[in-house]
ModelCIF file with pLDDT and N, C-alpha, C, O atoms, coordinates in Angstrom:
data_MODEL
#
_entry.id   MODEL 
#
_entity.id                         1 
_entity.type                       polymer 
_entity.pdbx_number_of_molecules   1 
#
_entity_poly.entity_id                      1 
_entity_poly.type                           'polypeptide(L)' 
_entity_poly.nstd_linkage                   no 
_entity_poly.nstd_monomer                   no 
_entity_poly.pdbx_seq_one_letter_code       AQLPRVTSLDPLTYQEEFYFGQPRVPATYLDRDDFIFGASDKL 
_entity_poly.pdbx_seq_one_letter_code_can   AQLPRVTSLDPLTYQEEFYFGQPRVPATYLDRDDFIFGASDKL 
_entity_poly.pdbx_strand_id                 A 
#
loop_
_entity_poly_seq.entity_id 
_entity_poly_seq.num 
_entity_poly_seq.mon_id 
_entity_poly_seq.hetero 
1 1  ALA n 
1 2  GLN n 
1 3  LEU n 
1 4  PRO n 
1 5  ARG n 
1 6  VAL n 
1 7  THR n 
1 8  SER n 
1 9  LEU n 
1 10 ASP n 
1 11 PRO n 
1 12 LEU n 
1 13 THR n 
1 14 TYR n 
1 15 GLN n 
1 16 GLU n 
1 17 GLU n 
1 18 PHE n 
1 19 TYR n 
1 20 PHE n 
1 21 GLY n 
1 22 GLN n 
1 23 PRO n 
1 24 ARG n 
1 25 VAL n 
1 26 PRO n 
1 27 ALA n 
1 28 THR n 
1 29 TYR n 
1 30 LEU n 
1 31 ASP n 
1 32 ARG n 
1 33 ASP n 
1 34 ASP n 
1 35 PHE n 
1 36 ILE n 
1 37 PHE n 
1 38 GLY n 
1 39 ALA n 
1 40 SER n 
1 41 ASP n 
1 42 LYS n 
1 43 LEU n 
#
_struct_asym.id          A 
_struct_asym.entity_id   1 
#
loop_
_ma_qa_metric.id 
_ma_qa_metric.mode 
_ma_qa_metric.name 
_ma_qa_metric.software_group_id 
_ma_qa_metric.type 
1 global pLDDT . pLDDT 
2 local  pLDDT . pLDDT 
#
_ma_qa_metric_global.metric_id      1 
_ma_qa_metric_global.metric_value   85.35 
_ma_qa_metric_global.model_id       1 
_ma_qa_metric_global.ordinal_id     1 
#
loop_
_ma_qa_metric_local.label_asym_id 
_ma_qa_metric_local.label_comp_id 
_ma_qa_metric_local.label_seq_id 
_ma_qa_metric_local.metric_id 
_ma_qa_metric_local.metric_value 
_ma_qa_metric_local.model_id 
_ma_qa_metric_local.ordinal_id 
A ALA 1  2 94.00 1 1  
A GLN 2  2 95.00 1 2  
A LEU 3  2 95.00 1 3  
A PRO 4  2 93.00 1 4  
A ARG 5  2 90.00 1 5  
A VAL 6  2 86.00 1 6  
A THR 7  2 83.00 1 7  
A SER 8  2 78.00 1 8  
A LEU 9  2 74.00 1 9  
A ASP 10 2 78.00 1 10 
A PRO 11 2 73.00 1 11 
A LEU 12 2 76.00 1 12 
A THR 13 2 78.00 1 13 
A TYR 14 2 81.00 1 14 
A GLN 15 2 84.00 1 15 
A GLU 16 2 87.00 1 16 
A GLU 17 2 90.00 1 17 
A PHE 18 2 93.00 1 18 
A TYR 19 2 92.00 1 19 
A PHE 20 2 91.00 1 20 
A GLY 21 2 90.00 1 21 
A GLN 22 2 93.00 1 22 
A PRO 23 2 92.00 1 23 
A ARG 24 2 95.00 1 24 
A VAL 25 2 96.00 1 25 
A PRO 26 2 96.00 1 26 
A ALA 27 2 95.00 1 27 
A THR 28 2 93.00 1 28 
A TYR 29 2 92.00 1 29 
A LEU 30 2 90.00 1 30 
A ASP 31 2 88.00 1 31 
A ARG 32 2 83.00 1 32 
A ASP 33 2 77.00 1 33 
A ASP 34 2 73.00 1 34 
A PHE 35 2 76.00 1 35 
A ILE 36 2 70.00 1 36 
A PHE 37 2 67.00 1 37 
A GLY 38 2 72.00 1 38 
A ALA 39 2 77.00 1 39 
A SER 40 2 83.00 1 40 
A ASP 41 2 85.00 1 41 
A LYS 42 2 88.00 1 42 
A LEU 43 2 88.00 1 43 
#
loop_
_atom_site.group_PDB 
_atom_site.id 
_atom_site.type_symbol 
_atom_site.label_atom_id 
_atom_site.label_alt_id 
_atom_site.label_comp_id 
_atom_site.label_asym_id 
_atom_site.label_entity_id 
_atom_site.label_seq_id 
_atom_site.pdbx_PDB_ins_code 
_atom_site.Cartn_x 
_atom_site.Cartn_y 
_atom_site.Cartn_z 
_atom_site.occupancy 
_atom_site.B_iso_or_equiv 
_atom_site.pdbx_formal_charge 
_atom_site.auth_seq_id 
_atom_site.auth_comp_id 
_atom_site.auth_asym_id 
_atom_site.auth_atom_id 
_atom_site.pdbx_PDB_model_num 
ATOM 1   N N  . ALA A 1 1  ? 88.707  103.093 106.928 1.00 94.00 ? 1  ALA A N  1 
ATOM 2   C CA . ALA A 1 1  ? 87.373  102.727 107.877 1.00 94.00 ? 1  ALA A CA 1 
ATOM 3   C C  . ALA A 1 1  ? 87.710  102.319 109.024 1.00 94.00 ? 1  ALA A C  1 
ATOM 4   O O  . ALA A 1 1  ? 87.221  103.027 109.904 1.00 94.00 ? 1  ALA A O  1 
ATOM 5   N N  . GLN A 1 2  ? 88.630  101.086 109.580 1.00 95.00 ? 2  GLN A N  1 
ATOM 6   C CA . GLN A 1 2  ? 88.455  100.590 110.094 1.00 95.00 ? 2  GLN A CA 1 
ATOM 7   C C  . GLN A 1 2  ? 89.386  101.299 111.552 1.00 95.00 ? 2  GLN A C  1 
ATOM 8   O O  . GLN A 1 2  ? 89.040  101.030 112.702 1.00 95.00 ? 2  GLN A O  1 
ATOM 9   N N  . LEU A 1 3  ? 90.117  101.861 111.358 1.00 95.00 ? 3  LEU A N  1 
ATOM 10  C CA . LEU A 1 3  ? 90.699  102.956 112.235 1.00 95.00 ? 3  LEU A CA 1 
ATOM 11  C C  . LEU A 1 3  ? 91.080  104.157 111.890 1.00 95.00 ? 3  LEU A C  1 
ATOM 12  O O  . LEU A 1 3  ? 92.272  104.432 111.751 1.00 95.00 ? 3  LEU A O  1 
ATOM 13  N N  . PRO A 1 4  ? 89.892  105.221 111.666 1.00 93.00 ? 4  PRO A N  1 
ATOM 14  C CA . PRO A 1 4  ? 90.482  106.520 111.492 1.00 93.00 ? 4  PRO A CA 1 
ATOM 15  C C  . PRO A 1 4  ? 91.060  107.142 112.028 1.00 93.00 ? 4  PRO A C  1 
ATOM 16  O O  . PRO A 1 4  ? 91.080  107.144 113.258 1.00 93.00 ? 4  PRO A O  1 
ATOM 17  N N  . ARG A 1 5  ? 92.091  108.283 110.919 1.00 90.00 ? 5  ARG A N  1 
ATOM 18  C CA . ARG A 1 5  ? 93.007  109.138 112.144 1.00 90.00 ? 5  ARG A CA 1 
ATOM 19  C C  . ARG A 1 5  ? 92.589  110.447 111.756 1.00 90.00 ? 5  ARG A C  1 
ATOM 20  O O  . ARG A 1 5  ? 92.810  111.539 112.280 1.00 90.00 ? 5  ARG A O  1 
ATOM 21  N N  . VAL A 1 6  ? 91.874  110.096 110.630 1.00 86.00 ? 6  VAL A N  1 
ATOM 22  C CA . VAL A 1 6  ? 91.755  111.568 110.197 1.00 86.00 ? 6  VAL A CA 1 
ATOM 23  C C  . VAL A 1 6  ? 90.407  111.635 110.404 1.00 86.00 ? 6  VAL A C  1 
ATOM 24  O O  . VAL A 1 6  ? 89.614  110.709 110.572 1.00 86.00 ? 6  VAL A O  1 
ATOM 25  N N  . THR A 1 7  ? 90.111  113.483 110.360 1.00 83.00 ? 7  THR A N  1 
ATOM 26  C CA . THR A 1 7  ? 88.749  114.048 110.244 1.00 83.00 ? 7  THR A CA 1 
ATOM 27  C C  . THR A 1 7  ? 88.326  114.391 109.071 1.00 83.00 ? 7  THR A C  1 
ATOM 28  O O  . THR A 1 7  ? 87.099  114.298 109.057 1.00 83.00 ? 7  THR A O  1 
ATOM 29  N N  . SER A 1 8  ? 88.798  114.788 107.949 1.00 78.00 ? 8  SER A N  1 
ATOM 30  C CA . SER A 1 8  ? 88.615  114.971 106.497 1.00 78.00 ? 8  SER A CA 1 
ATOM 31  C C  . SER A 1 8  ? 88.326  113.801 105.310 1.00 78.00 ? 8  SER A C  1 
ATOM 32  O O  . SER A 1 8  ? 89.143  112.880 105.315 1.00 78.00 ? 8  SER A O  1 
ATOM 33  N N  . LEU A 1 9  ? 87.433  113.746 104.464 1.00 74.00 ? 9  LEU A N  1 
ATOM 34  C CA . LEU A 1 9  ? 87.654  112.738 103.802 1.00 74.00 ? 9  LEU A CA 1 
ATOM 35  C C  . LEU A 1 9  ? 87.968  113.833 102.363 1.00 74.00 ? 9  LEU A C  1 
ATOM 36  O O  . LEU A 1 9  ? 88.068  113.181 101.323 1.00 74.00 ? 9  LEU A O  1 
ATOM 37  N N  . ASP A 1 10 ? 88.094  115.028 102.221 1.00 78.00 ? 10 ASP A N  1 
ATOM 38  C CA . ASP A 1 10 ? 88.062  115.103 100.617 1.00 78.00 ? 10 ASP A CA 1 
ATOM 39  C C  . ASP A 1 10 ? 89.888  114.941 100.641 1.00 78.00 ? 10 ASP A C  1 
ATOM 40  O O  . ASP A 1 10 ? 90.756  115.058 101.506 1.00 78.00 ? 10 ASP A O  1 
ATOM 41  N N  . PRO A 1 11 ? 89.857  114.617 99.205  1.00 73.00 ? 11 PRO A N  1 
ATOM 42  C CA . PRO A 1 11 ? 90.842  113.609 98.222  1.00 73.00 ? 11 PRO A CA 1 
ATOM 43  C C  . PRO A 1 11 ? 91.953  114.613 98.108  1.00 73.00 ? 11 PRO A C  1 
ATOM 44  O O  . PRO A 1 11 ? 93.092  114.210 97.875  1.00 73.00 ? 11 PRO A O  1 
ATOM 45  N N  . LEU A 1 12 ? 91.640  116.201 98.294  1.00 76.00 ? 12 LEU A N  1 
ATOM 46  C CA . LEU A 1 12 ? 92.069  116.711 97.771  1.00 76.00 ? 12 LEU A CA 1 
ATOM 47  C C  . LEU A 1 12 ? 93.433  117.381 98.925  1.00 76.00 ? 12 LEU A C  1 
ATOM 48  O O  . LEU A 1 12 ? 94.459  118.010 98.667  1.00 76.00 ? 12 LEU A O  1 
ATOM 49  N N  . THR A 1 13 ? 92.964  116.993 99.967  1.00 78.00 ? 13 THR A N  1 
ATOM 50  C CA . THR A 1 13 ? 93.836  117.049 100.937 1.00 78.00 ? 13 THR A CA 1 
ATOM 51  C C  . THR A 1 13 ? 95.125  116.440 101.169 1.00 78.00 ? 13 THR A C  1 
ATOM 52  O O  . THR A 1 13 ? 96.028  116.864 101.890 1.00 78.00 ? 13 THR A O  1 
ATOM 53  N N  . TYR A 1 14 ? 95.082  114.884 100.128 1.00 81.00 ? 14 TYR A N  1 
ATOM 54  C CA . TYR A 1 14 ? 96.167  114.240 100.313 1.00 81.00 ? 14 TYR A CA 1 
ATOM 55  C C  . TYR A 1 14 ? 96.763  113.962 98.821  1.00 81.00 ? 14 TYR A C  1 
ATOM 56  O O  . TYR A 1 14 ? 96.901  112.803 98.429  1.00 81.00 ? 14 TYR A O  1 
ATOM 57  N N  . GLN A 1 15 ? 97.173  115.288 97.859  1.00 84.00 ? 15 GLN A N  1 
ATOM 58  C CA . GLN A 1 15 ? 97.291  115.065 96.681  1.00 84.00 ? 15 GLN A CA 1 
ATOM 59  C C  . GLN A 1 15 ? 98.869  115.223 96.172  1.00 84.00 ? 15 GLN A C  1 
ATOM 60  O O  . GLN A 1 15 ? 99.373  115.340 95.055  1.00 84.00 ? 15 GLN A O  1 
ATOM 61  N N  . GLU A 1 16 ? 99.542  115.158 97.853  1.00 87.00 ? 16 GLU A N  1 
ATOM 62  C CA . GLU A 1 16 ? 101.019 115.093 97.422  1.00 87.00 ? 16 GLU A CA 1 
ATOM 63  C C  . GLU A 1 16 ? 101.588 113.939 96.881  1.00 87.00 ? 16 GLU A C  1 
ATOM 64  O O  . GLU A 1 16 ? 101.008 112.873 97.085  1.00 87.00 ? 16 GLU A O  1 
ATOM 65  N N  . GLU A 1 17 ? 102.610 113.959 96.234  1.00 90.00 ? 17 GLU A N  1 
ATOM 66  C CA . GLU A 1 17 ? 102.862 112.687 95.645  1.00 90.00 ? 17 GLU A CA 1 
ATOM 67  C C  . GLU A 1 17 ? 103.189 111.547 96.949  1.00 90.00 ? 17 GLU A C  1 
ATOM 68  O O  . GLU A 1 17 ? 103.687 111.803 98.045  1.00 90.00 ? 17 GLU A O  1 
ATOM 69  N N  . PHE A 1 18 ? 102.742 110.271 96.435  1.00 93.00 ? 18 PHE A N  1 
ATOM 70  C CA . PHE A 1 18 ? 102.361 109.127 97.047  1.00 93.00 ? 18 PHE A CA 1 
ATOM 71  C C  . PHE A 1 18 ? 101.805 108.349 97.658  1.00 93.00 ? 18 PHE A C  1 
ATOM 72  O O  . PHE A 1 18 ? 101.967 107.188 98.032  1.00 93.00 ? 18 PHE A O  1 
ATOM 73  N N  . TYR A 1 19 ? 100.552 109.714 97.792  1.00 92.00 ? 19 TYR A N  1 
ATOM 74  C CA . TYR A 1 19 ? 99.632  109.713 98.876  1.00 92.00 ? 19 TYR A CA 1 
ATOM 75  C C  . TYR A 1 19 ? 98.469  109.426 97.891  1.00 92.00 ? 19 TYR A C  1 
ATOM 76  O O  . TYR A 1 19 ? 97.848  108.458 98.331  1.00 92.00 ? 19 TYR A O  1 
ATOM 77  N N  . PHE A 1 20 ? 97.889  109.910 96.658  1.00 91.00 ? 20 PHE A N  1 
ATOM 78  C CA . PHE A 1 20 ? 97.042  109.390 95.960  1.00 91.00 ? 20 PHE A CA 1 
ATOM 79  C C  . PHE A 1 20 ? 95.801  109.875 96.589  1.00 91.00 ? 20 PHE A C  1 
ATOM 80  O O  . PHE A 1 20 ? 94.784  109.293 96.210  1.00 91.00 ? 20 PHE A O  1 
ATOM 81  N N  . GLY A 1 21 ? 95.661  110.756 97.414  1.00 90.00 ? 21 GLY A N  1 
ATOM 82  C CA . GLY A 1 21 ? 93.900  111.253 97.560  1.00 90.00 ? 21 GLY A CA 1 
ATOM 83  C C  . GLY A 1 21 ? 93.751  110.182 98.729  1.00 90.00 ? 21 GLY A C  1 
ATOM 84  O O  . GLY A 1 21 ? 92.589  109.851 98.966  1.00 90.00 ? 21 GLY A O  1 
ATOM 85  N N  . GLN A 1 22 ? 94.833  109.541 99.559  1.00 93.00 ? 22 GLN A N  1 
ATOM 86  C CA . GLN A 1 22 ? 94.553  109.135 100.554 1.00 93.00 ? 22 GLN A CA 1 
ATOM 87  C C  . GLN A 1 22 ? 95.229  108.976 101.434 1.00 93.00 ? 22 GLN A C  1 
ATOM 88  O O  . GLN A 1 22 ? 96.304  108.440 101.166 1.00 93.00 ? 22 GLN A O  1 
ATOM 89  N N  . PRO A 1 23 ? 94.994  109.307 102.742 1.00 92.00 ? 23 PRO A N  1 
ATOM 90  C CA . PRO A 1 23 ? 95.518  109.393 104.218 1.00 92.00 ? 23 PRO A CA 1 
ATOM 91  C C  . PRO A 1 23 ? 96.759  108.191 104.568 1.00 92.00 ? 23 PRO A C  1 
ATOM 92  O O  . PRO A 1 23 ? 97.841  108.357 105.130 1.00 92.00 ? 23 PRO A O  1 
ATOM 93  N N  . ARG A 1 24 ? 96.108  106.859 103.970 1.00 95.00 ? 24 ARG A N  1 
ATOM 94  C CA . ARG A 1 24 ? 96.890  106.226 104.700 1.00 95.00 ? 24 ARG A CA 1 
ATOM 95  C C  . ARG A 1 24 ? 97.862  105.395 103.382 1.00 95.00 ? 24 ARG A C  1 
ATOM 96  O O  . ARG A 1 24 ? 97.561  105.426 102.189 1.00 95.00 ? 24 ARG A O  1 
ATOM 97  N N  . VAL A 1 25 ? 98.771  104.854 103.832 1.00 96.00 ? 25 VAL A N  1 
ATOM 98  C CA . VAL A 1 25 ? 99.486  103.592 103.034 1.00 96.00 ? 25 VAL A CA 1 
ATOM 99  C C  . VAL A 1 25 ? 100.229 104.592 102.202 1.00 96.00 ? 25 VAL A C  1 
ATOM 100 O O  . VAL A 1 25 ? 100.096 103.975 101.145 1.00 96.00 ? 25 VAL A O  1 
ATOM 101 N N  . PRO A 1 26 ? 100.724 105.368 101.951 1.00 96.00 ? 26 PRO A N  1 
ATOM 102 C CA . PRO A 1 26 ? 101.650 106.107 100.858 1.00 96.00 ? 26 PRO A CA 1 
ATOM 103 C C  . PRO A 1 26 ? 102.243 104.879 99.505  1.00 96.00 ? 26 PRO A C  1 
ATOM 104 O O  . PRO A 1 26 ? 102.120 103.820 100.121 1.00 96.00 ? 26 PRO A O  1 
ATOM 105 N N  . ALA A 1 27 ? 102.496 104.697 98.839  1.00 95.00 ? 27 ALA A N  1 
ATOM 106 C CA . ALA A 1 27 ? 103.361 103.967 98.182  1.00 95.00 ? 27 ALA A CA 1 
ATOM 107 C C  . ALA A 1 27 ? 103.974 104.274 97.167  1.00 95.00 ? 27 ALA A C  1 
ATOM 108 O O  . ALA A 1 27 ? 103.517 105.206 96.505  1.00 95.00 ? 27 ALA A O  1 
ATOM 109 N N  . THR A 1 28 ? 105.117 103.643 96.744  1.00 93.00 ? 28 THR A N  1 
ATOM 110 C CA . THR A 1 28 ? 106.352 104.112 95.417  1.00 93.00 ? 28 THR A CA 1 
ATOM 111 C C  . THR A 1 28 ? 105.849 104.250 93.968  1.00 93.00 ? 28 THR A C  1 
ATOM 112 O O  . THR A 1 28 ? 106.559 104.672 93.055  1.00 93.00 ? 28 THR A O  1 
ATOM 113 N N  . TYR A 1 29 ? 104.094 103.716 93.781  1.00 92.00 ? 29 TYR A N  1 
ATOM 114 C CA . TYR A 1 29 ? 103.678 103.436 92.509  1.00 92.00 ? 29 TYR A CA 1 
ATOM 115 C C  . TYR A 1 29 ? 104.652 103.271 91.322  1.00 92.00 ? 29 TYR A C  1 
ATOM 116 O O  . TYR A 1 29 ? 105.030 104.027 90.428  1.00 92.00 ? 29 TYR A O  1 
ATOM 117 N N  . LEU A 1 30 ? 104.865 102.214 91.599  1.00 90.00 ? 30 LEU A N  1 
ATOM 118 C CA . LEU A 1 30 ? 105.813 101.424 90.860  1.00 90.00 ? 30 LEU A CA 1 
ATOM 119 C C  . LEU A 1 30 ? 105.521 100.873 89.479  1.00 90.00 ? 30 LEU A C  1 
ATOM 120 O O  . LEU A 1 30 ? 104.752 99.917  89.380  1.00 90.00 ? 30 LEU A O  1 
ATOM 121 N N  . ASP A 1 31 ? 106.102 101.428 88.369  1.00 88.00 ? 31 ASP A N  1 
ATOM 122 C CA . ASP A 1 31 ? 105.718 101.204 86.771  1.00 88.00 ? 31 ASP A CA 1 
ATOM 123 C C  . ASP A 1 31 ? 107.068 100.282 86.280  1.00 88.00 ? 31 ASP A C  1 
ATOM 124 O O  . ASP A 1 31 ? 108.111 99.830  86.752  1.00 88.00 ? 31 ASP A O  1 
ATOM 125 N N  . ARG A 1 32 ? 106.306 100.326 84.995  1.00 83.00 ? 32 ARG A N  1 
ATOM 126 C CA . ARG A 1 32 ? 107.490 99.311  84.069  1.00 83.00 ? 32 ARG A CA 1 
ATOM 127 C C  . ARG A 1 32 ? 108.602 99.598  84.286  1.00 83.00 ? 32 ARG A C  1 
ATOM 128 O O  . ARG A 1 32 ? 109.223 98.598  84.647  1.00 83.00 ? 32 ARG A O  1 
ATOM 129 N N  . ASP A 1 33 ? 109.327 100.660 84.247  1.00 77.00 ? 33 ASP A N  1 
ATOM 130 C CA . ASP A 1 33 ? 110.522 100.932 84.565  1.00 77.00 ? 33 ASP A CA 1 
ATOM 131 C C  . ASP A 1 33 ? 111.034 100.732 85.485  1.00 77.00 ? 33 ASP A C  1 
ATOM 132 O O  . ASP A 1 33 ? 112.198 100.345 85.390  1.00 77.00 ? 33 ASP A O  1 
ATOM 133 N N  . ASP A 1 34 ? 110.521 100.868 86.632  1.00 73.00 ? 34 ASP A N  1 
ATOM 134 C CA . ASP A 1 34 ? 110.479 100.972 88.163  1.00 73.00 ? 34 ASP A CA 1 
ATOM 135 C C  . ASP A 1 34 ? 111.178 99.100  88.252  1.00 73.00 ? 34 ASP A C  1 
ATOM 136 O O  . ASP A 1 34 ? 112.264 98.861  88.781  1.00 73.00 ? 34 ASP A O  1 
ATOM 137 N N  . PHE A 1 35 ? 110.250 97.956  87.602  1.00 76.00 ? 35 PHE A N  1 
ATOM 138 C CA . PHE A 1 35 ? 110.392 96.509  87.430  1.00 76.00 ? 35 PHE A CA 1 
ATOM 139 C C  . PHE A 1 35 ? 111.592 96.487  87.319  1.00 76.00 ? 35 PHE A C  1 
ATOM 140 O O  . PHE A 1 35 ? 112.232 95.844  88.151  1.00 76.00 ? 35 PHE A O  1 
ATOM 141 N N  . ILE A 1 36 ? 112.361 97.272  86.118  1.00 70.00 ? 36 ILE A N  1 
ATOM 142 C CA . ILE A 1 36 ? 112.991 96.772  85.416  1.00 70.00 ? 36 ILE A CA 1 
ATOM 143 C C  . ILE A 1 36 ? 114.753 97.627  85.675  1.00 70.00 ? 36 ILE A C  1 
ATOM 144 O O  . ILE A 1 36 ? 115.930 97.498  85.339  1.00 70.00 ? 36 ILE A O  1 
ATOM 145 N N  . PHE A 1 37 ? 113.996 98.363  86.366  1.00 67.00 ? 37 PHE A N  1 
ATOM 146 C CA . PHE A 1 37 ? 115.610 99.265  86.543  1.00 67.00 ? 37 PHE A CA 1 
ATOM 147 C C  . PHE A 1 37 ? 115.859 99.395  88.526  1.00 67.00 ? 37 PHE A C  1 
ATOM 148 O O  . PHE A 1 37 ? 116.916 99.664  89.097  1.00 67.00 ? 37 PHE A O  1 
ATOM 149 N N  . GLY A 1 38 ? 115.004 99.209  88.932  1.00 72.00 ? 38 GLY A N  1 
ATOM 150 C CA . GLY A 1 38 ? 114.465 99.098  90.463  1.00 72.00 ? 38 GLY A CA 1 
ATOM 151 C C  . GLY A 1 38 ? 113.939 100.545 91.018  1.00 72.00 ? 38 GLY A C  1 
ATOM 152 O O  . GLY A 1 38 ? 113.890 101.434 90.168  1.00 72.00 ? 38 GLY A O  1 
ATOM 153 N N  . ALA A 1 39 ? 113.540 100.879 92.351  1.00 77.00 ? 39 ALA A N  1 
ATOM 154 C CA . ALA A 1 39 ? 112.474 102.043 92.539  1.00 77.00 ? 39 ALA A CA 1 
ATOM 155 C C  . ALA A 1 39 ? 113.656 102.415 93.809  1.00 77.00 ? 39 ALA A C  1 
ATOM 156 O O  . ALA A 1 39 ? 113.435 102.692 94.988  1.00 77.00 ? 39 ALA A O  1 
ATOM 157 N N  . SER A 1 40 ? 114.669 102.330 93.243  1.00 83.00 ? 40 SER A N  1 
ATOM 158 C CA . SER A 1 40 ? 115.752 103.606 94.339  1.00 83.00 ? 40 SER A CA 1 
ATOM 159 C C  . SER A 1 40 ? 115.359 104.917 94.310  1.00 83.00 ? 40 SER A C  1 
ATOM 160 O O  . SER A 1 40 ? 115.259 105.317 95.470  1.00 83.00 ? 40 SER A O  1 
ATOM 161 N N  . ASP A 1 41 ? 115.087 105.779 93.501  1.00 85.00 ? 41 ASP A N  1 
ATOM 162 C CA . ASP A 1 41 ? 114.990 106.854 93.150  1.00 85.00 ? 41 ASP A CA 1 
ATOM 163 C C  . ASP A 1 41 ? 113.562 107.261 94.135  1.00 85.00 ? 41 ASP A C  1 
ATOM 164 O O  . ASP A 1 41 ? 113.594 108.308 94.781  1.00 85.00 ? 41 ASP A O  1 
ATOM 165 N N  . LYS A 1 42 ? 112.435 106.437 94.186  1.00 88.00 ? 42 LYS A N  1 
ATOM 166 C CA . LYS A 1 42 ? 111.280 106.956 94.768  1.00 88.00 ? 42 LYS A CA 1 
ATOM 167 C C  . LYS A 1 42 ? 111.225 106.127 96.205  1.00 88.00 ? 42 LYS A C  1 
ATOM 168 O O  . LYS A 1 42 ? 110.427 106.602 97.013  1.00 88.00 ? 42 LYS A O  1 
ATOM 169 N N  . LEU A 1 43 ? 111.801 105.210 96.542  1.00 88.00 ? 43 LEU A N  1 
ATOM 170 C CA . LEU A 1 43 ? 112.408 104.797 97.693  1.00 88.00 ? 43 LEU A CA 1 
ATOM 171 C C  . LEU A 1 43 ? 113.122 105.908 98.595  1.00 88.00 ? 43 LEU A C  1 
ATOM 172 O O  . LEU A 1 43 ? 113.683 105.585 99.642  1.00 88.00 ? 43 LEU A O  1 
#
C-alpha cells in the first residue's frame, strides 16, 4: 500500500508457493513441524 510495485490487485495472480495471494514479503509459512525440526527444506 505504501510503495506499490505492481498494477494488479487480483490475488489469483500470486498463488504460487510462499506468496499467498500477495506480491510482497514471501514467507516460509513455518508450522509446528518446522519449529521442531527446522525450516531447512523451505529455505
